[in-house]
Amino acid sequence: MKALHIYPSTSDAFTLSVLPSAPITMMRRKIAKKLKTDIDRLMLWTVERVQKKNTDEGQEVWDRAKVMEVGDGEIGFWFDDGDGVIVEVD
């Protein structure tokens, strides 16, 4: 199982547990169900660290890296345990 951190544009962040061999489309369905929206309204992005602030807390700034297209393979190809997913809802 992989734990992915989901950051939706319309609600609070949550964690989603998925199998590495599961298809991206399954992850999209789970996210849509959790957000109570239509799957076709979702756009998923991988995230990357764009800046690390030099503070005592060691805060990091993240941004979109690559858009996830429908049918883009298995979750394990794109993500490691603890990675993040930015979700935009139209």
C-alpha atoms as a PDB file:
ATOM      1  CA  MET A   1       0.000   0.000   0.000  1.00  0.00           C
ATOM      2  CA  LYS A   2       1.061   3.536  -0.699  1.00  0.00           C
ATOM      3  CA  ALA A   3      -0.197   6.515   1.284  1.00  0.00           C
ATOM      4  CA  LEU A   4      -0.623   9.533  -0.995  1.00  0.00           C
ATOM      5  CA  HIS A   5      -1.303  13.031   0.301  1.00  0.00           C
ATOM      6  CA  ILE A   6      -4.158  14.561  -1.702  1.00  0.00           C
ATOM      7  CA  TYR A   7      -4.387  18.373  -1.898  1.00  0.00           C
ATOM      8  CA  PRO A   8      -7.752  19.357  -3.454  1.00  0.00           C
ATOM      9  CA  SER A   9      -8.475  22.919  -4.558  1.00  0.00           C
ATOM     10  CA  THR A  10     -11.965  22.768  -3.027  1.00  0.00           C
ATOM     11  CA  SER A  11     -11.483  21.218   0.425  1.00  0.00           C
ATOM     12  CA  ASP A  12      -8.997  20.149   3.076  1.00  0.00           C
ATOM     13  CA  ALA A  13      -6.146  17.765   2.322  1.00  0.00           C
ATOM     14  CA  PHE A  14      -6.552  14.060   3.027  1.00  0.00           C
ATOM     15  CA  THR A  15      -4.558  10.834   2.721  1.00  0.00           C
ATOM     16  CA  LEU A  16      -5.502   8.096   0.262  1.00  0.00           C
ATOM     17  CA  SER A  17      -4.234   4.515   0.557  1.00  0.00           C
ATOM     18  CA  VAL A  18      -3.764   2.761  -2.780  1.00  0.00           C
ATOM     19  CA  LEU A  19      -1.991  -0.284  -4.156  1.00  0.00           C
ATOM     20  CA  PRO A  20       1.063   0.499  -6.314  1.00  0.00           C
ATOM     21  CA  SER A  21      -0.310  -1.781  -9.043  1.00  0.00           C
ATOM     22  CA  ALA A  22      -3.662   0.038  -9.160  1.00  0.00           C
ATOM     23  CA  PRO A  23      -4.389   2.126 -12.270  1.00  0.00           C
ATOM     24  CA  ILE A  24      -4.488   5.909 -12.159  1.00  0.00           C
ATOM     25  CA  THR A  25      -8.176   5.736 -13.123  1.00  0.00           C
ATOM     26  CA  MET A  26      -8.937   3.912  -9.853  1.00  0.00           C
ATOM     27  CA  MET A  27      -7.198   6.647  -7.875  1.00  0.00           C
ATOM     28  CA  ARG A  28      -9.253   9.257  -9.784  1.00  0.00           C
ATOM     29  CA  ARG A  29     -12.484   7.402  -8.871  1.00  0.00           C
ATOM     30  CA  LYS A  30     -11.518   7.266  -5.186  1.00  0.00           C
ATOM     31  CA  ILE A  31     -10.689  10.976  -5.139  1.00  0.00           C
ATOM     32  CA  ALA A  32     -13.940  11.898  -6.927  1.00  0.00           C
ATOM     33  CA  LYS A  33     -15.941   9.826  -4.440  1.00  0.00           C
ATOM     34  CA  LYS A  34     -14.220  11.451  -1.456  1.00  0.00           C
ATOM     35  CA  LEU A  35     -14.816  14.941  -2.902  1.00  0.00           C
ATOM     36  CA  LYS A  36     -18.394  14.037  -3.919  1.00  0.00           C
ATOM     37  CA  THR A  37     -17.878  15.214  -7.472  1.00  0.00           C
ATOM     38  CA  ASP A  38     -17.873  13.824 -10.989  1.00  0.00           C
ATOM     39  CA  ILE A  39     -14.638  12.132 -12.065  1.00  0.00           C
ATOM     40  CA  ASP A  40     -14.588  14.190 -15.285  1.00  0.00           C
ATOM     41  CA  ARG A  41     -14.257  17.399 -13.240  1.00  0.00           C
ATOM     42  CA  LEU A  42     -10.877  16.358 -11.781  1.00  0.00           C
ATOM     43  CA  MET A  43      -7.436  17.300 -13.027  1.00  0.00           C
ATOM     44  CA  LEU A  44      -4.592  15.597 -11.141  1.00  0.00           C
ATOM     45  CA  TRP A  45      -1.006  16.843 -10.888  1.00  0.00           C
ATOM     46  CA  THR A  46       2.123  15.335  -9.433  1.00  0.00           C
ATOM     47  CA  VAL A  47       3.943  17.740  -7.128  1.00  0.00           C
ATOM     48  CA  GLU A  48       7.538  18.831  -6.791  1.00  0.00           C
ATOM     49  CA  ARG A  49       9.438  20.884  -4.265  1.00  0.00           C
ATOM     50  CA  VAL A  50      10.160  24.274  -5.790  1.00  0.00           C
ATOM     51  CA  GLN A  51      11.659  25.966  -2.773  1.00  0.00           C
ATOM     52  CA  LYS A  52      12.852  25.099   0.697  1.00  0.00           C
ATOM     53  CA  LYS A  53      12.613  28.002   3.088  1.00  0.00           C
ATOM     54  CA  ASN A  54      15.427  28.453   5.561  1.00  0.00           C
ATOM     55  CA  THR A  55      13.319  28.546   8.711  1.00  0.00           C
ATOM     56  CA  ASP A  56      13.386  26.702  12.005  1.00  0.00           C
ATOM     57  CA  GLU A  57      10.389  24.640  10.879  1.00  0.00           C
ATOM     58  CA  GLY A  58      12.062  23.751   7.566  1.00  0.00           C
ATOM     59  CA  GLN A  59       8.973  24.654   5.549  1.00  0.00           C
ATOM     60  CA  GLU A  60       8.851  23.603   1.937  1.00  0.00           C
ATOM     61  CA  VAL A  61       6.970  25.141  -0.974  1.00  0.00           C
ATOM     62  CA  TRP A  62       5.422  22.745  -3.480  1.00  0.00           C
ATOM     63  CA  ASP A  63       3.960  23.312  -6.926  1.00  0.00           C
ATOM     64  CA  ARG A  64       2.465  21.331  -9.804  1.00  0.00           C
ATOM     65  CA  ALA A  65       4.932  19.234 -11.766  1.00  0.00           C
ATOM     66  CA  LYS A  66       3.124  17.068 -14.335  1.00  0.00           C
ATOM     67  CA  VAL A  67      -0.531  16.694 -15.194  1.00  0.00           C
ATOM     68  CA  MET A  68      -1.859  13.146 -14.903  1.00  0.00           C
ATOM     69  CA  GLU A  69      -3.771  12.068 -17.998  1.00  0.00           C
ATOM     70  CA  VAL A  70      -6.546   9.483 -17.818  1.00  0.00           C
ATOM     71  CA  GLY A  71      -5.096   6.031 -18.428  1.00  0.00           C
ATOM     72  CA  ASP A  72      -1.539   7.032 -17.545  1.00  0.00           C
ATOM     73  CA  GLY A  73      -0.549   3.631 -16.161  1.00  0.00           C
ATOM     74  CA  GLU A  74      -0.081   2.386 -12.627  1.00  0.00           C
ATOM     75  CA  ILE A  75       0.154   4.425  -9.438  1.00  0.00           C
ATOM     76  CA  GLY A  76       3.480   2.777  -8.535  1.00  0.00           C
ATOM     77  CA  PHE A  77       5.078   4.161 -11.710  1.00  0.00           C
ATOM     78  CA  TRP A  78       4.228   7.760 -10.766  1.00  0.00           C
ATOM     79  CA  PHE A  79       4.317   7.838  -6.960  1.00  0.00           C
ATOM     80  CA  ASP A  80       6.288   6.662  -3.960  1.00  0.00           C
ATOM     81  CA  ASP A  81       4.821   6.258  -0.491  1.00  0.00           C
ATOM     82  CA  GLY A  82       4.123   9.697   1.012  1.00  0.00           C
ATOM     83  CA  ASP A  83       4.075  11.616  -2.295  1.00  0.00           C
ATOM     84  CA  GLY A  84       1.508  14.314  -2.956  1.00  0.00           C
ATOM     85  CA  VAL A  85      -1.181  14.869  -5.561  1.00  0.00           C
ATOM     86  CA  ILE A  86      -2.682  18.267  -6.359  1.00  0.00           C
ATOM     87  CA  VAL A  87      -6.333  18.005  -7.422  1.00  0.00           C
ATOM     88  CA  GLU A  88      -8.077  20.787  -9.298  1.00  0.00           C
ATOM     89  CA  VAL A  89     -11.856  20.590  -9.592  1.00  0.00           C
ATOM     90  CA  ASP A  90     -13.580  22.408 -12.457  1.00  0.00           C
END
